[in-house]
Amino acid sequence: MTVTLLMFPGQGAQHPRMGWGLYGAEPRFTAALDEVLAAFDDGDALRRDWLSDDPRVPLDHVTRAQPLLFALDYALGRALTEHGVRPWVMLGHSVGEMAAAVLAGVFTLGDGVRLLQERVRLLAEAPPGGMLAVSATVAALDGTVTDEVVVAAVNAPRQTILAGPCEPLARVAERLRGDGVVCAALTAFHSPSLASVASAAVEGFAATPVRPPRVPLYSCYTAAPLTGEVAADPGYWAGHPVRPVLFWPALDAILSSRDDVVCVEAGPGQGLSTIARRHRSVRAGRGAVVPLLPARAGGPGADLAAFAAALARLTGDPRGDEPDRHLDHQRPAPSA
């Protein structure tokens, strides 16, 4: 018997009009996305920038990327469960863990949105810094990591993210490139330079009711199941911007615990799917990977076709291959 792992991507997965083809055409997704955007103080502005060819705030800015990724992750997760897909376990990458926590019942949707808005506000005001994607193992970077430049994420065995202040990080990048190591600059998160953000966020999490997850949820920060005790710790949630993301260790723990796990990427792009396909259990045919959306931006038909094909595979209902078009006429036109 197969079981389903829902994976929710975080910042870096965003792209213009991600998932737009489902909006107004897939009723469960549309209703869930409208619900989550209505909970944001600036939900209308988020929607306009999401659907725009020329957004007022760039989609890569933290005030757009994180809220919209949270909204899409949540809406796709809700749509799947309402189609009858029951996850065995969930795993979110960075802000994807907040979406997973709301879907698992740790936070209400309203509380999750409020906490995320405060985190985004603090991140937007944080001191400048950077991140560096490096094609190397953590062990190979032992001599590179310092008090300032630290491991921010372990996405795959040879896909490590470093973070730190801009100047020290630039020196590290120059040294790595000189040694022939492939690396690319990213926006900064998961760095000790964001300690002030973590400290300022504790009070909000401490004042928010939490519940143990109703659906098993793995932490991408501890690479272990999120227990009720961890969920109740305000410092755990407030510390996300500082702590390294241990996505690969968490994924490995899940996929090594049993065979026949179907990894479903519930978010834009296929970055987490690409990582999951590298796992030995998937390569050996003991697991599978099913992304819900195309690997890159396409027209509305591409989003609908990808979602319908994934749904058919997950539910065993061949009718899932037929996109639900009865709301198609309501899809909003892209704005300038």
C-alpha atoms as a PDB file:
ATOM      1  CA  MET A   1       0.000   0.000   0.000  1.00  0.00           C
ATOM      2  CA  THR A   2       1.359   3.410  -0.957  1.00  0.00           C
ATOM      3  CA  VAL A   3       1.325   6.407   1.373  1.00  0.00           C
ATOM      4  CA  THR A   4       1.620  10.099   0.557  1.00  0.00           C
ATOM      5  CA  LEU A   5       4.213  12.627   1.682  1.00  0.00           C
ATOM      6  CA  LEU A   6       3.130  16.213   0.988  1.00  0.00           C
ATOM      7  CA  MET A   7       6.127  18.518   0.419  1.00  0.00           C
ATOM      8  CA  PHE A   8       5.669  22.296   0.550  1.00  0.00           C
ATOM      9  CA  PRO A   9       8.363  24.504  -1.061  1.00  0.00           C
ATOM     10  CA  GLY A  10       9.722  27.727   0.396  1.00  0.00           C
ATOM     11  CA  GLN A  11      11.342  30.917  -0.849  1.00  0.00           C
ATOM     12  CA  GLY A  12      13.168  30.420  -4.124  1.00  0.00           C
ATOM     13  CA  ALA A  13      10.315  28.446  -5.696  1.00  0.00           C
ATOM     14  CA  GLN A  14       8.355  31.592  -6.603  1.00  0.00           C
ATOM     15  CA  HIS A  15       7.899  32.741 -10.191  1.00  0.00           C
ATOM     16  CA  PRO A  16       5.466  35.145 -11.916  1.00  0.00           C
ATOM     17  CA  ARG A  17       1.826  33.946 -11.952  1.00  0.00           C
ATOM     18  CA  MET A  18       2.764  30.629 -10.382  1.00  0.00           C
ATOM     19  CA  GLY A  19      -0.244  28.318 -10.381  1.00  0.00           C
ATOM     20  CA  TRP A  20      -2.352  30.996 -12.078  1.00  0.00           C
ATOM     21  CA  GLY A  21      -3.903  28.445 -14.424  1.00  0.00           C
ATOM     22  CA  LEU A  22      -5.753  26.793 -11.518  1.00  0.00           C
ATOM     23  CA  TYR A  23      -7.277  30.029 -10.247  1.00  0.00           C
ATOM     24  CA  GLY A  24     -10.889  30.231 -11.343  1.00  0.00           C
ATOM     25  CA  ALA A  25     -10.653  26.822 -13.045  1.00  0.00           C
ATOM     26  CA  GLU A  26     -10.083  24.454 -10.096  1.00  0.00           C
ATOM     27  CA  PRO A  27     -12.843  25.337  -7.603  1.00  0.00           C
ATOM     28  CA  ARG A  28     -11.273  23.832  -4.477  1.00  0.00           C
ATOM     29  CA  PHE A  29      -7.956  25.563  -5.109  1.00  0.00           C
ATOM     30  CA  THR A  30      -9.703  28.839  -5.933  1.00  0.00           C
ATOM     31  CA  ALA A  31     -11.817  28.819  -2.765  1.00  0.00           C
ATOM     32  CA  ALA A  32      -8.816  27.989  -0.558  1.00  0.00           C
ATOM     33  CA  LEU A  33      -6.631  30.661  -2.156  1.00  0.00           C
ATOM     34  CA  ASP A  34      -9.339  33.296  -1.782  1.00  0.00           C
ATOM     35  CA  GLU A  35      -9.747  32.260   1.865  1.00  0.00           C
ATOM     36  CA  VAL A  36      -6.063  32.615   2.685  1.00  0.00           C
ATOM     37  CA  LEU A  37      -5.597  35.889   0.776  1.00  0.00           C
ATOM     38  CA  ALA A  38      -8.632  37.338   2.574  1.00  0.00           C
ATOM     39  CA  ALA A  39      -6.830  36.663   5.870  1.00  0.00           C
ATOM     40  CA  PHE A  40      -3.880  38.889   4.863  1.00  0.00           C
ATOM     41  CA  ASP A  41      -4.062  42.612   5.558  1.00  0.00           C
ATOM     42  CA  ASP A  42      -2.903  43.297   1.980  1.00  0.00           C
ATOM     43  CA  GLY A  43      -4.532  40.302   0.290  1.00  0.00           C
ATOM     44  CA  ASP A  44      -5.885  42.310  -2.643  1.00  0.00           C
ATOM     45  CA  ALA A  45      -2.435  43.756  -3.356  1.00  0.00           C
ATOM     46  CA  LEU A  46      -0.916  40.274  -3.114  1.00  0.00           C
ATOM     47  CA  ARG A  47      -3.446  38.950  -5.612  1.00  0.00           C
ATOM     48  CA  ARG A  48      -2.840  41.836  -8.045  1.00  0.00           C
ATOM     49  CA  ASP A  49       0.929  41.364  -7.987  1.00  0.00           C
ATOM     50  CA  TRP A  50       0.569  37.587  -8.305  1.00  0.00           C
ATOM     51  CA  LEU A  51      -1.556  37.940 -11.455  1.00  0.00           C
ATOM     52  CA  SER A  52       0.323  40.887 -12.941  1.00  0.00           C
ATOM     53  CA  ASP A  53       2.848  40.892 -15.764  1.00  0.00           C
ATOM     54  CA  ASP A  54       4.348  43.970 -14.105  1.00  0.00           C
ATOM     55  CA  PRO A  55       3.869  43.645 -10.322  1.00  0.00           C
ATOM     56  CA  ARG A  56       4.191  46.795  -8.216  1.00  0.00           C
ATOM     57  CA  VAL A  57       6.350  44.848  -5.727  1.00  0.00           C
ATOM     58  CA  PRO A  58       8.762  42.329  -7.328  1.00  0.00           C
ATOM     59  CA  LEU A  59       7.760  38.730  -6.662  1.00  0.00           C
ATOM     60  CA  ASP A  60      11.221  37.942  -5.267  1.00  0.00           C
ATOM     61  CA  HIS A  61      10.832  40.538  -2.506  1.00  0.00           C
ATOM     62  CA  VAL A  62      10.190  38.921   0.881  1.00  0.00           C
ATOM     63  CA  THR A  63       6.886  40.828   1.239  1.00  0.00           C
ATOM     64  CA  ARG A  64       5.581  39.070  -1.877  1.00  0.00           C
ATOM     65  CA  ALA A  65       7.466  35.768  -2.106  1.00  0.00           C
ATOM     66  CA  GLN A  66       6.733  34.455   1.378  1.00  0.00           C
ATOM     67  CA  PRO A  67       3.013  35.376   1.622  1.00  0.00           C
ATOM     68  CA  LEU A  68       2.271  34.111  -1.896  1.00  0.00           C
ATOM     69  CA  LEU A  69       4.220  30.880  -1.409  1.00  0.00           C
ATOM     70  CA  PHE A  70       2.384  30.318   1.870  1.00  0.00           C
ATOM     71  CA  ALA A  71      -0.937  30.978   0.098  1.00  0.00           C
ATOM     72  CA  LEU A  72      -0.240  28.636  -2.835  1.00  0.00           C
ATOM     73  CA  ASP A  73       1.170  25.874  -0.622  1.00  0.00           C
ATOM     74  CA  TYR A  74      -1.875  26.081   1.642  1.00  0.00           C
ATOM     75  CA  ALA A  75      -4.378  26.214  -1.240  1.00  0.00           C
ATOM     76  CA  LEU A  76      -2.824  23.250  -3.045  1.00  0.00           C
ATOM     77  CA  GLY A  77      -2.731  21.224   0.172  1.00  0.00           C
ATOM     78  CA  ARG A  78      -6.390  22.034   0.878  1.00  0.00           C
ATOM     79  CA  ALA A  79      -7.411  21.213  -2.694  1.00  0.00           C
ATOM     80  CA  LEU A  80      -5.703  17.816  -2.501  1.00  0.00           C
ATOM     81  CA  THR A  81      -7.314  16.832   0.793  1.00  0.00           C
ATOM     82  CA  GLU A  82     -10.728  17.949  -0.451  1.00  0.00           C
ATOM     83  CA  HIS A  83     -10.177  15.724  -3.501  1.00  0.00           C
ATOM     84  CA  GLY A  84      -9.699  12.824  -1.066  1.00  0.00           C
ATOM     85  CA  VAL A  85      -5.893  12.637  -0.866  1.00  0.00           C
ATOM     86  CA  ARG A  86      -4.986  11.959   2.786  1.00  0.00           C
ATOM     87  CA  PRO A  87      -1.316  12.636   3.557  1.00  0.00           C
ATOM     88  CA  TRP A  88       0.592  10.130   5.660  1.00  0.00           C
ATOM     89  CA  VAL A  89       3.094  12.824   6.611  1.00  0.00           C
ATOM     90  CA  MET A  90       3.921  16.413   5.629  1.00  0.00           C
ATOM     91  CA  LEU A  91       7.240  18.252   5.243  1.00  0.00           C
ATOM     92  CA  GLY A  92       7.704  21.941   4.451  1.00  0.00           C
ATOM     93  CA  HIS A  93      10.835  23.731   3.306  1.00  0.00           C
ATOM     94  CA  SER A  94      11.340  26.996   5.241  1.00  0.00           C
ATOM     95  CA  VAL A  95       8.097  29.038   4.910  1.00  0.00           C
ATOM     96  CA  GLY A  96       6.509  25.858   3.541  1.00  0.00           C
ATOM     97  CA  GLU A  97       6.596  24.518   7.102  1.00  0.00           C
ATOM     98  CA  MET A  98       4.274  27.323   8.205  1.00  0.00           C
ATOM     99  CA  ALA A  99       1.761  26.300   5.530  1.00  0.00           C
ATOM    100  CA  ALA A 100       2.097  22.656   6.580  1.00  0.00           C
ATOM    101  CA  ALA A 101       1.609  23.615  10.246  1.00  0.00           C
ATOM    102  CA  VAL A 102      -1.672  25.377   9.441  1.00  0.00           C
ATOM    103  CA  LEU A 103      -2.887  22.441   7.343  1.00  0.00           C
ATOM    104  CA  ALA A 104      -1.937  20.088  10.199  1.00  0.00           C
ATOM    105  CA  GLY A 105      -3.933  22.183  12.682  1.00  0.00           C
ATOM    106  CA  VAL A 106      -0.979  23.479  14.726  1.00  0.00           C
ATOM    107  CA  PHE A 107      -2.150  27.036  14.021  1.00  0.00           C
ATOM    108  CA  THR A 108      -5.482  28.322  12.776  1.00  0.00           C
ATOM    109  CA  LEU A 109      -5.329  29.941   9.354  1.00  0.00           C
ATOM    110  CA  GLY A 110      -5.882  33.384  10.863  1.00  0.00           C
ATOM    111  CA  ASP A 111      -3.102  32.921  13.418  1.00  0.00           C
ATOM    112  CA  GLY A 112      -0.732  31.473  10.837  1.00  0.00           C
ATOM    113  CA  VAL A 113      -1.261  34.437   8.521  1.00  0.00           C
ATOM    114  CA  ARG A 114      -0.845  36.954  11.362  1.00  0.00           C
ATOM    115  CA  LEU A 115       2.411  35.348  12.503  1.00  0.00           C
ATOM    116  CA  LEU A 116       3.739  35.169   8.955  1.00  0.00           C
ATOM    117  CA  GLN A 117       2.898  38.832   8.329  1.00  0.00           C
ATOM    118  CA  GLU A 118       4.872  39.834  11.409  1.00  0.00           C
ATOM    119  CA  ARG A 119       7.827  37.673  10.368  1.00  0.00           C
ATOM    120  CA  VAL A 120       7.808  39.189   6.883  1.00  0.00           C
ATOM    121  CA  ARG A 121       7.708  42.710   8.341  1.00  0.00           C
ATOM    122  CA  LEU A 122      10.711  41.944  10.541  1.00  0.00           C
ATOM    123  CA  LEU A 123      12.623  40.305   7.690  1.00  0.00           C
ATOM    124  CA  ALA A 124      12.019  43.302   5.442  1.00  0.00           C
ATOM    125  CA  GLU A 125      13.603  45.535   8.103  1.00  0.00           C
ATOM    126  CA  ALA A 126      16.526  43.178   8.864  1.00  0.00           C
ATOM    127  CA  PRO A 127      20.156  44.112   8.157  1.00  0.00           C
ATOM    128  CA  PRO A 128      21.391  43.218   4.658  1.00  0.00           C
ATOM    129  CA  GLY A 129      22.934  39.831   4.052  1.00  0.00           C
ATOM    130  CA  GLY A 130      23.100  37.108   1.464  1.00  0.00           C
ATOM    131  CA  MET A 131      22.987  33.400   0.739  1.00  0.00           C
ATOM    132  CA  LEU A 132      25.104  31.215  -1.500  1.00  0.00           C
ATOM    133  CA  ALA A 133      24.030  27.954  -3.129  1.00  0.00           C
ATOM    134  CA  VAL A 134      27.088  25.677  -3.245  1.00  0.00           C
ATOM    135  CA  SER A 135      27.507  22.400  -5.131  1.00  0.00           C
ATOM    136  CA  ALA A 136      29.337  20.647  -2.294  1.00  0.00           C
ATOM    137  CA  THR A 137      28.678  18.529   0.772  1.00  0.00           C
ATOM    138  CA  VAL A 138      28.540  20.062   4.238  1.00  0.00           C
ATOM    139  CA  ALA A 139      31.680  18.131   5.181  1.00  0.00           C
ATOM    140  CA  ALA A 140      33.584  19.583   2.224  1.00  0.00           C
ATOM    141  CA  LEU A 141      32.768  23.084   3.482  1.00  0.00           C
ATOM    142  CA  ASP A 142      34.137  22.572   7.001  1.00  0.00           C
ATOM    143  CA  GLY A 143      37.039  24.916   6.362  1.00  0.00           C
ATOM    144  CA  THR A 144      34.748  27.518   4.810  1.00  0.00           C
ATOM    145  CA  VAL A 145      32.140  27.929   7.534  1.00  0.00           C
ATOM    146  CA  THR A 146      32.921  30.648  10.098  1.00  0.00           C
ATOM    147  CA  ASP A 147      31.106  32.493  12.873  1.00  0.00           C
ATOM    148  CA  GLU A 148      29.760  34.857  10.202  1.00  0.00           C
ATOM    149  CA  VAL A 149      29.227  32.531   7.216  1.00  0.00           C
ATOM    150  CA  VAL A 150      27.193  29.504   8.248  1.00  0.00           C
ATOM    151  CA  VAL A 151      25.300  26.570   6.751  1.00  0.00           C
ATOM    152  CA  ALA A 152      21.772  27.833   6.082  1.00  0.00           C
ATOM    153  CA  ALA A 153      20.243  24.763   4.408  1.00  0.00           C
ATOM    154  CA  VAL A 154      21.044  21.184   3.458  1.00  0.00           C
ATOM    155  CA  ASN A 155      18.770  20.547   0.485  1.00  0.00           C
ATOM    156  CA  ALA A 156      20.552  17.480  -0.921  1.00  0.00           C
ATOM    157  CA  PRO A 157      23.869  15.669  -0.322  1.00  0.00           C
ATOM    158  CA  ARG A 158      25.763  18.038  -2.663  1.00  0.00           C
ATOM    159  CA  GLN A 159      23.402  21.027  -2.482  1.00  0.00           C
ATOM    160  CA  THR A 160      24.346  23.192   0.502  1.00  0.00           C
ATOM    161  CA  ILE A 161      23.270  26.784   1.159  1.00  0.00           C
ATOM    162  CA  LEU A 162      25.561  29.194   3.053  1.00  0.00           C
ATOM    163  CA  ALA A 163      24.413  32.495   4.580  1.00  0.00           C
ATOM    164  CA  GLY A 164      25.991  35.515   6.197  1.00  0.00           C
ATOM    165  CA  PRO A 165      26.738  39.233   5.892  1.00  0.00           C
ATOM    166  CA  CYS A 166      27.384  40.384   2.326  1.00  0.00           C
ATOM    167  CA  GLU A 167      31.119  41.117   2.490  1.00  0.00           C
ATOM    168  CA  PRO A 168      32.250  37.919   4.299  1.00  0.00           C
ATOM    169  CA  LEU A 169      29.974  35.880   2.040  1.00  0.00           C
ATOM    170  CA  ALA A 170      31.450  37.508  -1.065  1.00  0.00           C
ATOM    171  CA  ARG A 171      34.961  36.553   0.110  1.00  0.00           C
ATOM    172  CA  VAL A 172      33.833  32.960   0.639  1.00  0.00           C
ATOM    173  CA  ALA A 173      32.226  32.872  -2.817  1.00  0.00           C
ATOM    174  CA  GLU A 174      35.412  34.181  -4.423  1.00  0.00           C
ATOM    175  CA  ARG A 175      37.500  31.555  -2.648  1.00  0.00           C
ATOM    176  CA  LEU A 176      35.130  28.715  -3.562  1.00  0.00           C
ATOM    177  CA  ARG A 177      34.958  29.743  -7.204  1.00  0.00           C
ATOM    178  CA  GLY A 178      38.736  29.951  -7.255  1.00  0.00           C
ATOM    179  CA  ASP A 179      38.796  26.328  -6.102  1.00  0.00           C
ATOM    180  CA  GLY A 180      36.448  25.370  -8.934  1.00  0.00           C
ATOM    181  CA  VAL A 181      33.342  24.977  -6.768  1.00  0.00           C
ATOM    182  CA  VAL A 182      30.073  25.986  -8.460  1.00  0.00           C
ATOM    183  CA  CYS A 183      28.063  28.479  -6.387  1.00  0.00           C
ATOM    184  CA  ALA A 184      25.282  31.035  -6.961  1.00  0.00           C
ATOM    185  CA  ALA A 185      24.056  34.012  -4.912  1.00  0.00           C
ATOM    186  CA  LEU A 186      20.594  33.965  -3.301  1.00  0.00           C
ATOM    187  CA  THR A 187      18.490  36.194  -1.035  1.00  0.00           C
ATOM    188  CA  ALA A 188      19.494  35.953   2.655  1.00  0.00           C
ATOM    189  CA  PHE A 189      17.681  33.826   5.240  1.00  0.00           C
ATOM    190  CA  HIS A 190      18.598  31.245   7.897  1.00  0.00           C
ATOM    191  CA  SER A 191      21.578  33.166   9.191  1.00  0.00           C
ATOM    192  CA  PRO A 192      22.730  34.335  12.645  1.00  0.00           C
ATOM    193  CA  SER A 193      22.562  37.872  11.213  1.00  0.00           C
ATOM    194  CA  LEU A 194      18.776  37.551  11.593  1.00  0.00           C
ATOM    195  CA  ALA A 195      18.933  36.942  15.363  1.00  0.00           C
ATOM    196  CA  SER A 196      17.118  40.215  15.981  1.00  0.00           C
ATOM    197  CA  VAL A 197      14.214  38.966  13.854  1.00  0.00           C
ATOM    198  CA  ALA A 198      13.978  35.774  15.902  1.00  0.00           C
ATOM    199  CA  SER A 199      14.061  37.649  19.208  1.00  0.00           C
ATOM    200  CA  ALA A 200      11.368  40.094  18.133  1.00  0.00           C
ATOM    201  CA  ALA A 201       9.057  37.302  16.943  1.00  0.00           C
ATOM    202  CA  VAL A 202       9.028  35.264  20.183  1.00  0.00           C
ATOM    203  CA  GLU A 203       6.335  37.323  21.885  1.00  0.00           C
ATOM    204  CA  GLY A 204       3.843  36.840  19.051  1.00  0.00           C
ATOM    205  CA  PHE A 205       4.307  33.078  18.986  1.00  0.00           C
ATOM    206  CA  ALA A 206       4.112  32.883  22.792  1.00  0.00           C
ATOM    207  CA  ALA A 207       0.711  34.605  22.721  1.00  0.00           C
ATOM    208  CA  THR A 208      -0.681  32.274  20.029  1.00  0.00           C
ATOM    209  CA  PRO A 209      -2.574  29.056  20.871  1.00  0.00           C
ATOM    210  CA  VAL A 210      -1.002  25.944  19.356  1.00  0.00           C
ATOM    211  CA  ARG A 211      -2.110  22.328  19.091  1.00  0.00           C
ATOM    212  CA  PRO A 212      -0.222  19.126  18.365  1.00  0.00           C
ATOM    213  CA  PRO A 213      -0.365  18.346  14.625  1.00  0.00           C
ATOM    214  CA  ARG A 214      -3.391  16.285  13.555  1.00  0.00           C
ATOM    215  CA  VAL A 215      -1.365  14.918  10.639  1.00  0.00           C
ATOM    216  CA  PRO A 216       2.225  13.771  11.239  1.00  0.00           C
ATOM    217  CA  LEU A 217       4.517  16.675  10.396  1.00  0.00           C
ATOM    218  CA  TYR A 218       8.302  16.501  10.074  1.00  0.00           C
ATOM    219  CA  SER A 219      10.354  19.540  11.007  1.00  0.00           C
ATOM    220  CA  CYS A 220      12.798  20.785   8.396  1.00  0.00           C
ATOM    221  CA  TYR A 221      14.765  22.362  11.257  1.00  0.00           C
ATOM    222  CA  THR A 222      15.227  19.269  13.456  1.00  0.00           C
ATOM    223  CA  ALA A 223      14.833  16.565  10.767  1.00  0.00           C
ATOM    224  CA  ALA A 224      12.497  14.766  13.190  1.00  0.00           C
ATOM    225  CA  PRO A 225       8.746  14.565  13.802  1.00  0.00           C
ATOM    226  CA  LEU A 226       7.238  17.789  15.111  1.00  0.00           C
ATOM    227  CA  THR A 227       5.984  16.764  18.551  1.00  0.00           C
ATOM    228  CA  GLY A 228       3.397  18.622  20.599  1.00  0.00           C
ATOM    229  CA  GLU A 229       6.207  19.776  22.902  1.00  0.00           C
ATOM    230  CA  VAL A 230       8.199  21.295  20.036  1.00  0.00           C
ATOM    231  CA  ALA A 231       5.066  22.844  18.534  1.00  0.00           C
ATOM    232  CA  ALA A 232       4.350  24.567  21.860  1.00  0.00           C
ATOM    233  CA  ASP A 233       7.819  26.163  22.004  1.00  0.00           C
ATOM    234  CA  PRO A 234       7.640  29.806  20.791  1.00  0.00           C
ATOM    235  CA  GLY A 235      11.411  29.851  20.346  1.00  0.00           C
ATOM    236  CA  TYR A 236      11.191  27.039  17.819  1.00  0.00           C
ATOM    237  CA  TRP A 237       8.917  28.975  15.448  1.00  0.00           C
ATOM    238  CA  ALA A 238      10.497  32.372  16.075  1.00  0.00           C
ATOM    239  CA  GLY A 239      13.932  30.913  15.362  1.00  0.00           C
ATOM    240  CA  HIS A 240      13.170  29.704  11.824  1.00  0.00           C
ATOM    241  CA  PRO A 241      14.901  32.659  10.100  1.00  0.00           C
ATOM    242  CA  VAL A 242      18.117  31.880  12.023  1.00  0.00           C
ATOM    243  CA  ARG A 243      18.224  28.085  11.926  1.00  0.00           C
ATOM    244  CA  PRO A 244      19.541  25.980   9.022  1.00  0.00           C
ATOM    245  CA  VAL A 245      16.984  24.140   6.913  1.00  0.00           C
ATOM    246  CA  LEU A 246      17.677  20.393   7.106  1.00  0.00           C
ATOM    247  CA  PHE A 247      15.400  19.384   4.246  1.00  0.00           C
ATOM    248  CA  TRP A 248      17.481  16.481   2.954  1.00  0.00           C
ATOM    249  CA  PRO A 249      18.032  14.872   6.404  1.00  0.00           C
ATOM    250  CA  ALA A 250      14.277  15.181   7.090  1.00  0.00           C
ATOM    251  CA  LEU A 251      13.365  13.740   3.686  1.00  0.00           C
ATOM    252  CA  ASP A 252      15.863  10.913   4.138  1.00  0.00           C
ATOM    253  CA  ALA A 253      14.401  10.052   7.552  1.00  0.00           C
ATOM    254  CA  ILE A 254      10.899   9.856   6.072  1.00  0.00           C
ATOM    255  CA  LEU A 255      11.780   7.876   2.941  1.00  0.00           C
ATOM    256  CA  SER A 256      14.081   5.510   4.852  1.00  0.00           C
ATOM    257  CA  SER A 257      11.309   4.585   7.287  1.00  0.00           C
ATOM    258  CA  ARG A 258       9.229   2.619   4.751  1.00  0.00           C
ATOM    259  CA  ASP A 259       8.811   1.825   1.071  1.00  0.00           C
ATOM    260  CA  ASP A 260       6.067   2.929  -1.335  1.00  0.00           C
ATOM    261  CA  VAL A 261       6.045   6.595  -0.326  1.00  0.00           C
ATOM    262  CA  VAL A 262       4.679   8.937  -2.989  1.00  0.00           C
ATOM    263  CA  CYS A 263       6.306  12.359  -2.636  1.00  0.00           C
ATOM    264  CA  VAL A 264       3.850  15.049  -3.744  1.00  0.00           C
ATOM    265  CA  GLU A 265       5.143  18.585  -4.251  1.00  0.00           C
ATOM    266  CA  ALA A 266       2.280  20.910  -3.294  1.00  0.00           C
ATOM    267  CA  GLY A 267       3.637  24.224  -4.497  1.00  0.00           C
ATOM    268  CA  PRO A 268       5.046  26.027  -7.531  1.00  0.00           C
ATOM    269  CA  GLY A 269       7.806  24.501  -9.606  1.00  0.00           C
ATOM    270  CA  GLN A 270       9.428  21.118  -9.095  1.00  0.00           C
ATOM    271  CA  GLY A 271      12.495  21.961  -6.998  1.00  0.00           C
ATOM    272  CA  LEU A 272      11.625  19.603  -4.145  1.00  0.00           C
ATOM    273  CA  SER A 273      10.574  16.917  -6.644  1.00  0.00           C
ATOM    274  CA  THR A 274      14.004  17.101  -8.259  1.00  0.00           C
ATOM    275  CA  ILE A 275      15.612  16.606  -4.850  1.00  0.00           C
ATOM    276  CA  ALA A 276      13.293  13.707  -3.921  1.00  0.00           C
ATOM    277  CA  ARG A 277      14.085  11.908  -7.191  1.00  0.00           C
ATOM    278  CA  ARG A 278      17.719  11.712  -6.057  1.00  0.00           C
ATOM    279  CA  HIS A 279      16.854   9.650  -2.987  1.00  0.00           C
ATOM    280  CA  ARG A 280      17.961   6.031  -3.170  1.00  0.00           C
ATOM    281  CA  SER A 281      14.467   4.666  -2.473  1.00  0.00           C
ATOM    282  CA  VAL A 282      12.997   6.582  -5.404  1.00  0.00           C
ATOM    283  CA  ARG A 283      15.908   5.686  -7.708  1.00  0.00           C
ATOM    284  CA  ALA A 284      15.408   2.022  -6.743  1.00  0.00           C
ATOM    285  CA  GLY A 285      11.705   2.181  -7.619  1.00  0.00           C
ATOM    286  CA  ARG A 286      10.540   1.849  -3.993  1.00  0.00           C
ATOM    287  CA  GLY A 287       9.001   5.314  -4.045  1.00  0.00           C
ATOM    288  CA  ALA A 288       7.613   7.842  -6.505  1.00  0.00           C
ATOM    289  CA  VAL A 289       7.452  11.595  -7.048  1.00  0.00           C
ATOM    290  CA  VAL A 290       4.364  13.509  -8.202  1.00  0.00           C
ATOM    291  CA  PRO A 291       4.578  17.305  -8.635  1.00  0.00           C
ATOM    292  CA  LEU A 292       1.266  19.170  -8.835  1.00  0.00           C
ATOM    293  CA  LEU A 293       2.468  21.967 -11.111  1.00  0.00           C
ATOM    294  CA  PRO A 294       4.864  22.258 -14.087  1.00  0.00           C
ATOM    295  CA  ALA A 295       8.580  22.703 -13.573  1.00  0.00           C
ATOM    296  CA  ARG A 296       8.452  26.216 -14.995  1.00  0.00           C
ATOM    297  CA  ALA A 297       5.891  28.834 -15.906  1.00  0.00           C
ATOM    298  CA  GLY A 298       3.545  28.009 -18.765  1.00  0.00           C
ATOM    299  CA  GLY A 299       0.071  28.959 -19.891  1.00  0.00           C
ATOM    300  CA  PRO A 300      -3.091  28.189 -17.902  1.00  0.00           C
ATOM    301  CA  GLY A 301      -3.463  24.893 -19.749  1.00  0.00           C
ATOM    302  CA  ALA A 302      -0.097  23.673 -18.473  1.00  0.00           C
ATOM    303  CA  ASP A 303      -1.078  24.239 -14.836  1.00  0.00           C
ATOM    304  CA  LEU A 304      -4.444  22.548 -15.316  1.00  0.00           C
ATOM    305  CA  ALA A 305      -2.982  19.575 -17.166  1.00  0.00           C
ATOM    306  CA  ALA A 306      -0.248  19.015 -14.567  1.00  0.00           C
ATOM    307  CA  PHE A 307      -2.693  19.213 -11.657  1.00  0.00           C
ATOM    308  CA  ALA A 308      -5.245  16.938 -13.341  1.00  0.00           C
ATOM    309  CA  ALA A 309      -2.621  14.322 -14.229  1.00  0.00           C
ATOM    310  CA  ALA A 310      -1.238  14.370 -10.671  1.00  0.00           C
ATOM    311  CA  LEU A 311      -4.716  14.069  -9.186  1.00  0.00           C
ATOM    312  CA  ALA A 312      -5.545  11.125 -11.448  1.00  0.00           C
ATOM    313  CA  ARG A 313      -2.376   9.365 -10.360  1.00  0.00           C
ATOM    314  CA  LEU A 314      -2.988  10.025  -6.667  1.00  0.00           C
ATOM    315  CA  THR A 315      -6.672   9.110  -6.592  1.00  0.00           C
ATOM    316  CA  GLY A 316      -6.675   6.389  -9.243  1.00  0.00           C
ATOM    317  CA  ASP A 317      -9.567   8.173 -10.953  1.00  0.00           C
ATOM    318  CA  PRO A 318      -8.880   8.565 -14.690  1.00  0.00           C
ATOM    319  CA  ARG A 319     -11.460  11.347 -14.779  1.00  0.00           C
ATOM    320  CA  GLY A 320      -8.823  13.446 -13.047  1.00  0.00           C
ATOM    321  CA  ASP A 321      -7.157  13.733 -16.454  1.00  0.00           C
ATOM    322  CA  GLU A 322     -10.052  15.938 -17.554  1.00  0.00           C
ATOM    323  CA  PRO A 323      -9.487  19.469 -16.195  1.00  0.00           C
ATOM    324  CA  ASP A 324     -12.443  20.969 -14.346  1.00  0.00           C
ATOM    325  CA  ARG A 325     -13.409  23.743 -16.745  1.00  0.00           C
ATOM    326  CA  HIS A 326     -16.813  24.771 -15.423  1.00  0.00           C
ATOM    327  CA  LEU A 327     -15.293  27.847 -13.742  1.00  0.00           C
ATOM    328  CA  ASP A 328     -12.889  28.537 -16.589  1.00  0.00           C
ATOM    329  CA  HIS A 329     -14.767  31.614 -17.721  1.00  0.00           C
ATOM    330  CA  GLN A 330     -14.153  33.204 -14.322  1.00  0.00           C
ATOM    331  CA  ARG A 331     -10.345  33.110 -14.507  1.00  0.00           C
ATOM    332  CA  PRO A 332      -9.141  36.704 -14.117  1.00  0.00           C
ATOM    333  CA  ALA A 333      -7.202  38.208 -16.967  1.00  0.00           C
ATOM    334  CA  PRO A 334      -3.586  39.101 -16.210  1.00  0.00           C
ATOM    335  CA  SER A 335      -3.119  42.731 -15.282  1.00  0.00           C
ATOM    336  CA  ALA A 336      -0.498  45.117 -16.500  1.00  0.00           C
END
